[in-house]
Amino acid sequence: MLVGRQDQRLAAQDEQITTLSRRVAELMHANDTLTAANEELSGKMARAQHLLCRNSGNSSMPPSTDNVPGRTPPPRRSCLHRPVTDSR
């Protein structure tokens, strides 16, 4: 009788181990998929942030594109900082 109960417990534990092993494999696959998607999206976001922070003051873009929503305008320069030119 004791052996019968022990055999039942072992069979139940074997079934539980098999179920958990399958679930671990599924979760590992899902983790790999999500990690790859996260890396791809991180690259896209870095590119978008780079494009959003560009303006005519720090790139070769024309000043007419500085007023595009989401872009920061270039810093204003005062006339006092311009070099003096000799007009003779």
Foldseek 3Di string as FASTA:
>chain_A
DVVVVVVVVVVVVVVVVVVVVVVVVVVVVVVVVVVVVVVVVVVVVVVVVVVLADAVQHDVDDNVPQPDPSYHYDDDDDPVPDDDDDPD
